Amino acid sequence: MKAGHGYGLTIYFKEVNAMSEETKQQQEEQVKEDHEEVVEEVFAEELQDAEQETDEVAQLQAQLDESENRYLRLRADFDNFRRRINTENEAKEKYRSQSLITELLPALDNFERALNIEADNDQTKTLLQGMEMVHRSLIDALKKEGVEPIDAVGQEFDPHLHQAVMQTEDDQYGSNIVVEEFQKGYKLKDRVIRPSMVKVNQ
């Protein structure tokens, strides 16, 4: 082999090796780029999955909060309902005899009118004494149930307790003072079951 040929082959192999190194480097860079792309794609997918999971968790949390709020509202409504029922039952128990007492008041009025009759003989006096005993027993029974007569004459007019049916001018009484009672009023515990019918001074 000639010297020129040997020198040419050497240069050729150097060029081939140089090309191989360049190709290898290019391949390595390509592999690196491909690897980075894969990593980015995987990271993007994982990020997307994480965002979806976060959205799902947020939705579940919102549903849980809504359910809890609905439960609290229902619980509050139930508590209010239970308190209202208890209050109504207490009122029914407290004023259970109101209807009967209201029916008895006219009879009580008639007793009091009869007792105001002047007795002109012994027979009438005896009859009135018997009626007075019955009247006293009836009053005692009503007191045990919590019934009390409403004070009227000499008291300041109170629209919650008195019903004014007449007005007058009387110097013996102050202004807005009840001067006469036409029909006695009654309270059952703290409830007015019948106001007093009265005459009021102007």
N, C-alpha and C. Protein backbone atom coordinates (compact mmCIF):
# COMPACT_ATOMS: atom_id res chain seq x y z
N MET A 1 0.86 -1.18 0.00
CA MET A 1 0.00 0.00 0.00
C MET A 1 0.90 1.23 0.00
N LYS A 2 0.43 2.13 -0.78
CA LYS A 2 1.21 3.35 -0.87
C LYS A 2 0.97 4.23 0.35
N ALA A 3 1.95 5.05 0.59
CA ALA A 3 1.87 5.93 1.76
C ALA A 3 0.70 6.88 1.64
N GLY A 4 0.42 7.32 0.46
CA GLY A 4 -0.69 8.24 0.28
C GLY A 4 -2.02 7.60 0.61
N HIS A 5 -2.06 6.28 0.19
CA HIS A 5 -3.31 5.55 0.51
C HIS A 5 -3.48 5.37 1.99
N GLY A 6 -2.43 5.06 2.71
CA GLY A 6 -2.51 4.87 4.18
C GLY A 6 -2.93 6.15 4.88
N TYR A 7 -2.40 7.24 4.41
CA TYR A 7 -2.76 8.54 5.03
C TYR A 7 -4.22 8.85 4.79
N GLY A 8 -4.71 8.48 3.63
CA GLY A 8 -6.11 8.74 3.29
C GLY A 8 -7.05 7.91 4.14
N LEU A 9 -6.66 6.66 4.38
CA LEU A 9 -7.51 5.79 5.21
C LEU A 9 -7.56 6.30 6.64
N THR A 10 -6.44 6.77 7.09
CA THR A 10 -6.40 7.29 8.46
C THR A 10 -7.36 8.46 8.61
N ILE A 11 -7.31 9.34 7.65
CA ILE A 11 -8.22 10.49 7.67
C ILE A 11 -9.67 10.03 7.59
N TYR A 12 -9.90 9.02 6.75
CA TYR A 12 -11.26 8.50 6.57
C TYR A 12 -11.80 7.96 7.90
N PHE A 13 -10.96 7.12 8.56
CA PHE A 13 -11.40 6.54 9.83
C PHE A 13 -11.60 7.60 10.90
N LYS A 14 -10.78 8.63 10.88
CA LYS A 14 -10.96 9.73 11.83
C LYS A 14 -12.28 10.43 11.61
N GLU A 15 -12.60 10.62 10.31
CA GLU A 15 -13.87 11.27 9.98
C GLU A 15 -15.05 10.40 10.40
N VAL A 16 -14.87 9.07 10.15
CA VAL A 16 -15.94 8.13 10.55
C VAL A 16 -16.13 8.16 12.06
N ASN A 17 -14.98 8.12 12.79
CA ASN A 17 -15.08 8.17 14.26
C ASN A 17 -15.71 9.47 14.73
N ALA A 18 -15.32 10.56 14.05
CA ALA A 18 -15.87 11.86 14.43
C ALA A 18 -17.38 11.88 14.17
N MET A 19 -17.76 11.31 13.00
CA MET A 19 -19.18 11.24 12.69
C MET A 19 -19.91 10.35 13.69
N SER A 20 -19.28 9.26 14.10
CA SER A 20 -19.90 8.34 15.06
C SER A 20 -20.10 9.04 16.41
N GLU A 21 -19.07 9.79 16.82
CA GLU A 21 -19.18 10.53 18.08
C GLU A 21 -20.29 11.57 17.99
N GLU A 22 -20.36 12.25 16.85
CA GLU A 22 -21.41 13.27 16.67
C GLU A 22 -22.79 12.64 16.66
N THR A 23 -22.87 11.50 15.92
CA THR A 23 -24.15 10.79 15.87
C THR A 23 -24.55 10.29 17.24
N LYS A 24 -23.57 9.76 17.95
CA LYS A 24 -23.83 9.26 19.30
C LYS A 24 -24.31 10.39 20.22
N GLN A 25 -23.65 11.54 20.08
CA GLN A 25 -24.02 12.69 20.90
C GLN A 25 -25.43 13.15 20.54
N GLN A 26 -25.71 13.16 19.20
CA GLN A 26 -27.05 13.54 18.77
C GLN A 26 -28.11 12.57 19.30
N GLN A 27 -27.75 11.28 19.25
CA GLN A 27 -28.68 10.27 19.76
C GLN A 27 -28.92 10.43 21.26
N GLU A 28 -27.83 10.71 21.97
CA GLU A 28 -27.96 10.92 23.41
C GLU A 28 -28.84 12.14 23.70
N GLU A 29 -28.64 13.21 22.94
CA GLU A 29 -29.45 14.40 23.13
C GLU A 29 -30.92 14.13 22.81
N GLN A 30 -31.10 13.34 21.72
CA GLN A 30 -32.46 12.99 21.34
C GLN A 30 -33.14 12.16 22.42
N VAL A 31 -32.35 11.18 22.93
CA VAL A 31 -32.89 10.34 24.01
C VAL A 31 -33.22 11.20 25.23
N LYS A 32 -32.34 12.15 25.52
CA LYS A 32 -32.56 13.04 26.66
C LYS A 32 -33.81 13.88 26.45
N GLU A 33 -33.97 14.40 25.22
CA GLU A 33 -35.16 15.19 24.92
C GLU A 33 -36.43 14.34 25.02
N ASP A 34 -36.32 13.12 24.45
CA ASP A 34 -37.47 12.22 24.52
C ASP A 34 -37.83 11.90 25.98
N HIS A 35 -36.78 11.68 26.77
CA HIS A 35 -37.00 11.37 28.18
C HIS A 35 -37.67 12.55 28.90
N GLU A 36 -37.18 13.76 28.59
CA GLU A 36 -37.77 14.94 29.21
C GLU A 36 -39.22 15.12 28.79
N GLU A 37 -39.51 14.84 27.52
CA GLU A 37 -40.90 14.95 27.05
C GLU A 37 -41.80 13.95 27.77
N VAL A 38 -41.28 12.72 27.92
CA VAL A 38 -42.06 11.69 28.61
C VAL A 38 -42.31 12.10 30.06
N VAL A 39 -41.25 12.61 30.68
CA VAL A 39 -41.38 13.04 32.08
C VAL A 39 -42.42 14.17 32.18
N GLU A 40 -42.33 15.12 31.23
CA GLU A 40 -43.29 16.22 31.26
C GLU A 40 -44.70 15.73 31.04
N GLU A 41 -44.88 14.77 30.12
CA GLU A 41 -46.22 14.23 29.86
C GLU A 41 -46.76 13.50 31.10
N VAL A 42 -45.88 12.68 31.71
CA VAL A 42 -46.30 11.96 32.91
C VAL A 42 -46.65 12.95 34.04
N PHE A 43 -45.81 13.97 34.19
CA PHE A 43 -46.05 14.97 35.23
C PHE A 43 -47.37 15.71 34.96
N ALA A 44 -47.59 16.05 33.68
CA ALA A 44 -48.83 16.74 33.31
C ALA A 44 -50.05 15.87 33.60
N GLU A 45 -49.94 14.57 33.27
CA GLU A 45 -51.06 13.66 33.54
C GLU A 45 -51.30 13.53 35.04
N GLU A 46 -50.19 13.40 35.80
CA GLU A 46 -50.34 13.28 37.25
C GLU A 46 -50.92 14.57 37.83
N LEU A 47 -50.48 15.72 37.30
CA LEU A 47 -51.02 17.00 37.77
C LEU A 47 -52.50 17.11 37.46
N GLN A 48 -52.87 16.68 36.26
CA GLN A 48 -54.28 16.72 35.87
C GLN A 48 -55.11 15.80 36.77
N ASP A 49 -54.56 14.59 37.03
CA ASP A 49 -55.26 13.66 37.92
C ASP A 49 -55.40 14.26 39.31
N ALA A 50 -54.34 14.91 39.78
CA ALA A 50 -54.38 15.52 41.11
C ALA A 50 -55.42 16.64 41.15
N GLU A 51 -55.48 17.45 40.08
CA GLU A 51 -56.47 18.52 40.03
C GLU A 51 -57.89 17.95 40.02
N GLN A 52 -58.08 16.85 39.26
CA GLN A 52 -59.39 16.22 39.23
C GLN A 52 -59.77 15.68 40.62
N GLU A 53 -58.77 15.04 41.27
CA GLU A 53 -59.03 14.54 42.62
C GLU A 53 -59.34 15.69 43.58
N THR A 54 -58.62 16.81 43.41
CA THR A 54 -58.88 17.98 44.26
C THR A 54 -60.29 18.51 44.03
N ASP A 55 -60.71 18.56 42.75
CA ASP A 55 -62.07 19.01 42.43
C ASP A 55 -63.11 18.07 43.04
N GLU A 56 -62.84 16.76 42.94
CA GLU A 56 -63.76 15.79 43.51
C GLU A 56 -63.85 15.94 45.02
N VAL A 57 -62.70 16.12 45.65
CA VAL A 57 -62.68 16.32 47.11
C VAL A 57 -63.44 17.59 47.48
N ALA A 58 -63.25 18.65 46.70
CA ALA A 58 -63.96 19.91 46.97
C ALA A 58 -65.47 19.72 46.81
N GLN A 59 -65.87 18.98 45.77
CA GLN A 59 -67.30 18.73 45.56
C GLN A 59 -67.88 17.91 46.71
N LEU A 60 -67.13 16.87 47.12
CA LEU A 60 -67.58 16.04 48.23
C LEU A 60 -67.68 16.86 49.52
N GLN A 61 -66.68 17.76 49.73
CA GLN A 61 -66.70 18.60 50.91
C GLN A 61 -67.90 19.54 50.89
N ALA A 62 -68.18 20.09 49.68
CA ALA A 62 -69.34 20.98 49.55
C ALA A 62 -70.64 20.22 49.83
N GLN A 63 -70.75 18.99 49.32
CA GLN A 63 -71.93 18.18 49.58
C GLN A 63 -72.06 17.85 51.06
N LEU A 64 -70.91 17.55 51.68
CA LEU A 64 -70.92 17.26 53.11
C LEU A 64 -71.35 18.48 53.92
N ASP A 65 -70.82 19.67 53.55
CA ASP A 65 -71.21 20.90 54.25
C ASP A 65 -72.70 21.17 54.08
N GLU A 66 -73.20 20.97 52.86
CA GLU A 66 -74.62 21.20 52.60
C GLU A 66 -75.49 20.25 53.42
N SER A 67 -75.06 18.97 53.47
CA SER A 67 -75.81 17.98 54.25
C SER A 67 -75.78 18.34 55.73
N GLU A 68 -74.62 18.78 56.20
CA GLU A 68 -74.50 19.15 57.61
C GLU A 68 -75.39 20.36 57.93
N ASN A 69 -75.39 21.37 57.03
CA ASN A 69 -76.23 22.54 57.24
C ASN A 69 -77.71 22.17 57.22
N ARG A 70 -78.08 21.27 56.30
CA ARG A 70 -79.47 20.83 56.24
C ARG A 70 -79.86 20.08 57.51
N TYR A 71 -78.93 19.26 58.00
CA TYR A 71 -79.18 18.54 59.24
C TYR A 71 -79.36 19.51 60.41
N LEU A 72 -78.48 20.52 60.47
CA LEU A 72 -78.58 21.50 61.56
C LEU A 72 -79.90 22.27 61.50
N ARG A 73 -80.32 22.63 60.26
CA ARG A 73 -81.60 23.34 60.12
C ARG A 73 -82.77 22.46 60.56
N LEU A 74 -82.72 21.19 60.14
CA LEU A 74 -83.78 20.27 60.52
C LEU A 74 -83.80 20.06 62.03
N ARG A 75 -82.60 19.97 62.61
CA ARG A 75 -82.51 19.80 64.07
C ARG A 75 -83.08 21.01 64.79
N ALA A 76 -82.74 22.21 64.29
CA ALA A 76 -83.27 23.43 64.90
C ALA A 76 -84.80 23.50 64.75
N ASP A 77 -85.30 23.13 63.56
CA ASP A 77 -86.75 23.13 63.35
C ASP A 77 -87.43 22.14 64.29
N PHE A 78 -86.81 20.97 64.45
CA PHE A 78 -87.39 19.96 65.34
C PHE A 78 -87.39 20.43 66.79
N ASP A 79 -86.28 21.07 67.21
CA ASP A 79 -86.21 21.59 68.58
C ASP A 79 -87.27 22.67 68.80
N ASN A 80 -87.45 23.56 67.81
CA ASN A 80 -88.48 24.59 67.92
C ASN A 80 -89.87 23.97 68.00
N PHE A 81 -90.09 22.96 67.16
CA PHE A 81 -91.38 22.27 67.16
C PHE A 81 -91.63 21.60 68.52
N ARG A 82 -90.60 20.95 69.05
CA ARG A 82 -90.75 20.28 70.34
C ARG A 82 -91.03 21.29 71.46
N ARG A 83 -90.30 22.44 71.44
CA ARG A 83 -90.56 23.47 72.45
C ARG A 83 -91.97 24.03 72.33
N ARG A 84 -92.42 24.22 71.06
CA ARG A 84 -93.77 24.76 70.86
C ARG A 84 -94.82 23.78 71.38
N ILE A 85 -94.62 22.50 71.09
CA ILE A 85 -95.56 21.48 71.57
C ILE A 85 -95.57 21.43 73.09
N ASN A 86 -94.38 21.49 73.70
CA ASN A 86 -94.30 21.48 75.16
C ASN A 86 -95.01 22.70 75.75
N THR A 87 -94.78 23.88 75.11
CA THR A 87 -95.44 25.09 75.59
C THR A 87 -96.95 24.98 75.47
N GLU A 88 -97.41 24.44 74.34
CA GLU A 88 -98.85 24.28 74.15
C GLU A 88 -99.43 23.29 75.16
N ASN A 89 -98.69 22.20 75.40
CA ASN A 89 -99.18 21.22 76.38
C ASN A 89 -99.21 21.80 77.78
N GLU A 90 -98.19 22.60 78.12
CA GLU A 90 -98.18 23.25 79.43
C GLU A 90 -99.35 24.22 79.57
N ALA A 91 -99.62 24.97 78.47
CA ALA A 91 -100.74 25.90 78.50
C ALA A 91 -102.07 25.15 78.63
N LYS A 92 -102.19 24.03 77.92
CA LYS A 92 -103.43 23.24 78.02
C LYS A 92 -103.63 22.73 79.44
N GLU A 93 -102.52 22.29 80.04
CA GLU A 93 -102.62 21.79 81.41
C GLU A 93 -102.92 22.93 82.38
N LYS A 94 -102.27 24.07 82.14
CA LYS A 94 -102.43 25.22 83.04
C LYS A 94 -103.85 25.78 82.98
N TYR A 95 -104.43 25.81 81.78
CA TYR A 95 -105.75 26.42 81.61
C TYR A 95 -106.80 25.38 81.23
N ARG A 96 -106.58 24.14 81.67
CA ARG A 96 -107.48 23.05 81.26
C ARG A 96 -108.93 23.28 81.68
N SER A 97 -109.13 24.01 82.80
CA SER A 97 -110.49 24.21 83.32
C SER A 97 -111.13 25.50 82.83
N GLN A 98 -110.48 26.21 81.90
CA GLN A 98 -111.00 27.51 81.48
C GLN A 98 -112.40 27.41 80.89
N SER A 99 -112.60 26.42 80.04
CA SER A 99 -113.90 26.30 79.37
C SER A 99 -115.02 26.08 80.40
N LEU A 100 -114.76 25.19 81.35
CA LEU A 100 -115.78 24.91 82.38
C LEU A 100 -116.03 26.14 83.24
N ILE A 101 -114.96 26.83 83.63
CA ILE A 101 -115.10 28.02 84.47
C ILE A 101 -115.88 29.10 83.74
N THR A 102 -115.60 29.27 82.45
CA THR A 102 -116.33 30.27 81.66
C THR A 102 -117.82 29.95 81.63
N GLU A 103 -118.15 28.67 81.57
CA GLU A 103 -119.57 28.28 81.59
C GLU A 103 -120.20 28.51 82.95
N LEU A 104 -119.39 28.45 84.03
CA LEU A 104 -119.92 28.62 85.38
C LEU A 104 -120.10 30.08 85.78
N LEU A 105 -119.41 30.99 85.11
CA LEU A 105 -119.46 32.39 85.52
C LEU A 105 -120.87 32.99 85.49
N PRO A 106 -121.69 32.71 84.48
CA PRO A 106 -123.07 33.26 84.52
C PRO A 106 -123.86 32.77 85.74
N ALA A 107 -123.64 31.49 86.10
CA ALA A 107 -124.32 30.97 87.29
C ALA A 107 -123.82 31.68 88.54
N LEU A 108 -122.52 31.96 88.58
CA LEU A 108 -121.96 32.70 89.71
C LEU A 108 -122.54 34.11 89.79
N ASP A 109 -122.72 34.73 88.61
CA ASP A 109 -123.34 36.07 88.58
C ASP A 109 -124.76 36.02 89.15
N ASN A 110 -125.51 34.99 88.78
CA ASN A 110 -126.89 34.87 89.26
C ASN A 110 -126.93 34.65 90.78
N PHE A 111 -125.98 33.88 91.29
CA PHE A 111 -125.89 33.69 92.74
C PHE A 111 -125.70 35.03 93.44
N GLU A 112 -124.76 35.84 92.91
CA GLU A 112 -124.45 37.11 93.56
C GLU A 112 -125.62 38.08 93.47
N ARG A 113 -126.35 38.06 92.37
CA ARG A 113 -127.54 38.91 92.27
C ARG A 113 -128.60 38.49 93.29
N ALA A 114 -128.75 37.18 93.42
CA ALA A 114 -129.75 36.67 94.36
C ALA A 114 -129.38 37.00 95.80
N LEU A 115 -128.08 36.95 96.10
CA LEU A 115 -127.64 37.25 97.46
C LEU A 115 -127.82 38.72 97.82
N ASN A 116 -127.99 39.58 96.83
CA ASN A 116 -128.20 41.01 97.09
C ASN A 116 -129.66 41.35 97.40
N ILE A 117 -130.52 40.34 97.30
CA ILE A 117 -131.94 40.56 97.62
C ILE A 117 -132.09 40.73 99.13
N GLU A 118 -132.88 41.69 99.52
CA GLU A 118 -133.14 41.89 100.95
C GLU A 118 -134.22 40.90 101.43
N ALA A 119 -133.90 40.19 102.51
CA ALA A 119 -134.84 39.21 103.06
C ALA A 119 -135.87 39.92 103.94
N ASP A 120 -137.15 39.69 103.63
CA ASP A 120 -138.21 40.34 104.41
C ASP A 120 -138.90 39.36 105.35
N ASN A 121 -138.47 38.09 105.36
CA ASN A 121 -139.04 37.12 106.29
C ASN A 121 -138.01 36.04 106.59
N ASP A 122 -138.29 35.22 107.59
CA ASP A 122 -137.33 34.20 108.02
C ASP A 122 -137.09 33.15 106.95
N GLN A 123 -138.15 32.83 106.23
CA GLN A 123 -138.00 31.81 105.19
C GLN A 123 -137.02 32.28 104.11
N THR A 124 -137.13 33.53 103.73
CA THR A 124 -136.21 34.08 102.72
C THR A 124 -134.80 34.16 103.26
N LYS A 125 -134.68 34.53 104.54
CA LYS A 125 -133.35 34.59 105.15
C LYS A 125 -132.68 33.21 105.16
N THR A 126 -133.46 32.20 105.50
CA THR A 126 -132.92 30.83 105.52
C THR A 126 -132.49 30.40 104.11
N LEU A 127 -133.30 30.73 103.14
CA LEU A 127 -132.98 30.40 101.74
C LEU A 127 -131.70 31.10 101.30
N LEU A 128 -131.57 32.37 101.66
CA LEU A 128 -130.38 33.12 101.28
C LEU A 128 -129.12 32.59 101.98
N GLN A 129 -129.27 32.14 103.24
CA GLN A 129 -128.14 31.56 103.93
C GLN A 129 -127.65 30.29 103.23
N GLY A 130 -128.59 29.48 102.78
CA GLY A 130 -128.22 28.26 102.05
C GLY A 130 -127.53 28.60 100.73
N MET A 131 -128.07 29.60 100.04
CA MET A 131 -127.46 30.02 98.78
C MET A 131 -126.06 30.58 99.00
N GLU A 132 -125.91 31.31 100.14
CA GLU A 132 -124.59 31.87 100.44
C GLU A 132 -123.57 30.76 100.70
N MET A 133 -123.98 29.69 101.34
CA MET A 133 -123.08 28.55 101.58
C MET A 133 -122.66 27.91 100.25
N VAL A 134 -123.64 27.74 99.36
CA VAL A 134 -123.32 27.16 98.05
C VAL A 134 -122.39 28.10 97.27
N HIS A 135 -122.69 29.39 97.37
CA HIS A 135 -121.87 30.38 96.68
C HIS A 135 -120.43 30.37 97.20
N ARG A 136 -120.27 30.26 98.53
CA ARG A 136 -118.94 30.24 99.11
C ARG A 136 -118.19 28.97 98.69
N SER A 137 -118.88 27.85 98.65
CA SER A 137 -118.24 26.60 98.22
C SER A 137 -117.78 26.69 96.76
N LEU A 138 -118.63 27.33 95.94
CA LEU A 138 -118.29 27.48 94.54
C LEU A 138 -117.07 28.39 94.38
N ILE A 139 -117.02 29.48 95.15
CA ILE A 139 -115.88 30.40 95.10
C ILE A 139 -114.60 29.68 95.54
N ASP A 140 -114.68 28.88 96.61
CA ASP A 140 -113.51 28.15 97.11
C ASP A 140 -113.00 27.16 96.06
N ALA A 141 -113.92 26.48 95.40
CA ALA A 141 -113.51 25.51 94.37
C ALA A 141 -112.83 26.22 93.21
N LEU A 142 -113.35 27.38 92.83
CA LEU A 142 -112.73 28.14 91.74
C LEU A 142 -111.35 28.67 92.13
N LYS A 143 -111.21 29.08 93.40
CA LYS A 143 -109.90 29.55 93.86
C LYS A 143 -108.85 28.45 93.77
N LYS A 144 -109.25 27.22 94.09
CA LYS A 144 -108.31 26.09 94.01
C LYS A 144 -107.83 25.87 92.58
N GLU A 145 -108.66 26.25 91.62
CA GLU A 145 -108.28 26.11 90.21
C GLU A 145 -107.49 27.31 89.71
N GLY A 146 -107.32 28.32 90.60
CA GLY A 146 -106.54 29.50 90.21
C GLY A 146 -107.37 30.66 89.73
N VAL A 147 -108.68 30.64 90.01
CA VAL A 147 -109.57 31.72 89.58
C VAL A 147 -109.59 32.81 90.64
N GLU A 148 -109.43 34.05 90.21
CA GLU A 148 -109.49 35.19 91.12
C GLU A 148 -110.33 36.30 90.49
N PRO A 149 -111.13 37.00 91.31
CA PRO A 149 -111.89 38.15 90.77
C PRO A 149 -110.94 39.32 90.50
N ILE A 150 -111.28 40.11 89.52
CA ILE A 150 -110.47 41.28 89.15
C ILE A 150 -110.95 42.48 89.96
N ASP A 151 -110.00 43.16 90.61
CA ASP A 151 -110.35 44.39 91.33
C ASP A 151 -110.74 45.47 90.32
N ALA A 152 -111.80 46.19 90.63
CA ALA A 152 -112.28 47.20 89.67
C ALA A 152 -112.53 48.55 90.32
N VAL A 153 -113.52 48.64 91.19
CA VAL A 153 -113.93 49.93 91.74
C VAL A 153 -112.77 50.54 92.54
N GLY A 154 -112.46 51.80 92.20
CA GLY A 154 -111.37 52.50 92.87
C GLY A 154 -110.02 52.29 92.21
N GLN A 155 -109.95 51.38 91.23
CA GLN A 155 -108.70 51.11 90.54
C GLN A 155 -108.61 51.96 89.26
N GLU A 156 -107.39 52.22 88.85
CA GLU A 156 -107.21 52.92 87.58
C GLU A 156 -107.64 52.01 86.44
N PHE A 157 -108.32 52.57 85.48
CA PHE A 157 -108.82 51.78 84.36
C PHE A 157 -107.66 51.14 83.61
N ASP A 158 -107.78 49.84 83.41
CA ASP A 158 -106.78 49.06 82.67
C ASP A 158 -107.50 48.31 81.55
N PRO A 159 -107.23 48.66 80.29
CA PRO A 159 -107.96 48.02 79.19
C PRO A 159 -107.72 46.51 79.09
N HIS A 160 -106.66 46.02 79.74
CA HIS A 160 -106.42 44.57 79.75
C HIS A 160 -107.29 43.85 80.77
N LEU A 161 -107.78 44.62 81.78
CA LEU A 161 -108.57 44.02 82.85
C LEU A 161 -110.02 44.48 82.85
N HIS A 162 -110.25 45.67 82.34
CA HIS A 162 -111.59 46.28 82.43
C HIS A 162 -112.15 46.58 81.04
N GLN A 163 -113.45 46.51 80.96
CA GLN A 163 -114.16 46.90 79.73
C GLN A 163 -115.09 48.06 80.08
N ALA A 164 -114.75 49.24 79.59
CA ALA A 164 -115.53 50.44 79.90
C ALA A 164 -116.79 50.47 79.04
N VAL A 165 -117.94 50.52 79.70
CA VAL A 165 -119.21 50.60 78.97
C VAL A 165 -119.89 51.94 79.20
N MET A 166 -119.40 52.69 80.21
CA MET A 166 -119.96 54.02 80.49
C MET A 166 -118.87 54.92 81.03
N GLN A 167 -119.11 56.23 80.88
CA GLN A 167 -118.23 57.23 81.49
C GLN A 167 -119.07 58.19 82.32
N THR A 168 -118.44 58.77 83.32
CA THR A 168 -119.14 59.71 84.18
C THR A 168 -118.16 60.78 84.66
N GLU A 169 -118.71 61.81 85.32
CA GLU A 169 -117.89 62.84 85.94
C GLU A 169 -118.23 62.87 87.43
N ASP A 170 -117.30 62.41 88.24
CA ASP A 170 -117.51 62.32 89.68
C ASP A 170 -116.31 62.93 90.39
N ASP A 171 -116.57 63.98 91.16
CA ASP A 171 -115.48 64.67 91.86
C ASP A 171 -114.85 63.81 92.96
N GLN A 172 -115.53 62.76 93.37
CA GLN A 172 -115.00 61.90 94.42
C GLN A 172 -113.88 60.99 93.92
N TYR A 173 -113.79 60.87 92.60
CA TYR A 173 -112.77 59.97 92.01
C TYR A 173 -111.86 60.78 91.09
N GLY A 174 -110.66 60.29 90.95
CA GLY A 174 -109.73 60.92 90.04
C GLY A 174 -110.03 60.55 88.60
N SER A 175 -109.29 61.15 87.71
CA SER A 175 -109.49 60.86 86.29
C SER A 175 -109.06 59.44 85.96
N ASN A 176 -109.86 58.80 85.10
CA ASN A 176 -109.58 57.45 84.60
C ASN A 176 -109.66 56.39 85.71
N ILE A 177 -110.47 56.66 86.73
CA ILE A 177 -110.67 55.71 87.83
C ILE A 177 -112.03 55.03 87.65
N VAL A 178 -112.05 53.72 87.92
CA VAL A 178 -113.30 52.97 87.83
C VAL A 178 -114.18 53.34 89.02
N VAL A 179 -115.40 53.77 88.74
CA VAL A 179 -116.29 54.22 89.82
C VAL A 179 -117.42 53.21 90.08
N GLU A 180 -117.67 52.32 89.14
CA GLU A 180 -118.75 51.35 89.33
C GLU A 180 -118.48 50.10 88.49
N GLU A 181 -118.90 48.97 89.04
CA GLU A 181 -118.72 47.69 88.34
C GLU A 181 -120.10 47.10 88.03
N PHE A 182 -120.34 46.82 86.75
CA PHE A 182 -121.62 46.24 86.35
C PHE A 182 -121.57 44.72 86.30
N GLN A 183 -120.41 44.21 85.94
CA GLN A 183 -120.24 42.75 85.92
C GLN A 183 -118.81 42.43 86.34
N LYS A 184 -118.69 41.52 87.29
CA LYS A 184 -117.37 41.20 87.84
C LYS A 184 -116.54 40.44 86.80
N GLY A 185 -115.27 40.81 86.76
CA GLY A 185 -114.34 40.11 85.88
C GLY A 185 -113.50 39.10 86.64
N TYR A 186 -112.93 38.13 85.89
CA TYR A 186 -112.15 37.06 86.54
C TYR A 186 -110.90 36.76 85.74
N LYS A 187 -109.88 36.31 86.49
CA LYS A 187 -108.63 35.83 85.89
C LYS A 187 -108.45 34.37 86.27
N LEU A 188 -107.93 33.60 85.32
CA LEU A 188 -107.51 32.23 85.60
C LEU A 188 -105.99 32.22 85.59
N LYS A 189 -105.40 32.15 86.79
CA LYS A 189 -103.96 32.29 86.96
C LYS A 189 -103.54 33.66 86.41
N ASP A 190 -102.79 33.70 85.31
CA ASP A 190 -102.36 35.00 84.77
C ASP A 190 -103.11 35.38 83.50
N ARG A 191 -104.20 34.70 83.21
CA ARG A 191 -104.97 34.97 82.00
C ARG A 191 -106.34 35.54 82.36
N VAL A 192 -106.70 36.63 81.70
CA VAL A 192 -108.03 37.21 81.89
C VAL A 192 -109.04 36.38 81.10
N ILE A 193 -109.99 35.79 81.80
CA ILE A 193 -111.00 35.00 81.09
C ILE A 193 -112.29 35.80 80.89
N ARG A 194 -112.44 36.88 81.69
CA ARG A 194 -113.55 37.80 81.46
C ARG A 194 -113.21 39.14 82.10
N PRO A 195 -113.13 40.21 81.31
CA PRO A 195 -112.84 41.53 81.89
C PRO A 195 -114.05 42.07 82.65
N SER A 196 -113.77 42.95 83.59
CA SER A 196 -114.86 43.58 84.35
C SER A 196 -115.54 44.63 83.48
N MET A 197 -116.89 44.64 83.50
CA MET A 197 -117.65 45.68 82.81
C MET A 197 -117.82 46.84 83.80
N VAL A 198 -117.32 48.02 83.44
CA VAL A 198 -117.21 49.10 84.42
C VAL A 198 -117.65 50.45 83.87
N LYS A 199 -117.86 51.37 84.82
CA LYS A 199 -118.06 52.78 84.52
C LYS A 199 -116.79 53.52 84.93
N VAL A 200 -116.30 54.39 84.07
CA VAL A 200 -115.01 55.05 84.32
C VAL A 200 -115.21 56.56 84.44
N ASN A 201 -114.52 57.13 85.41
CA ASN A 201 -114.57 58.57 85.58
C ASN A 201 -113.69 59.25 84.52
N GLN A 202 -114.20 60.34 83.96
CA GLN A 202 -113.44 61.04 82.91
C GLN A 202 -112.23 61.75 83.49
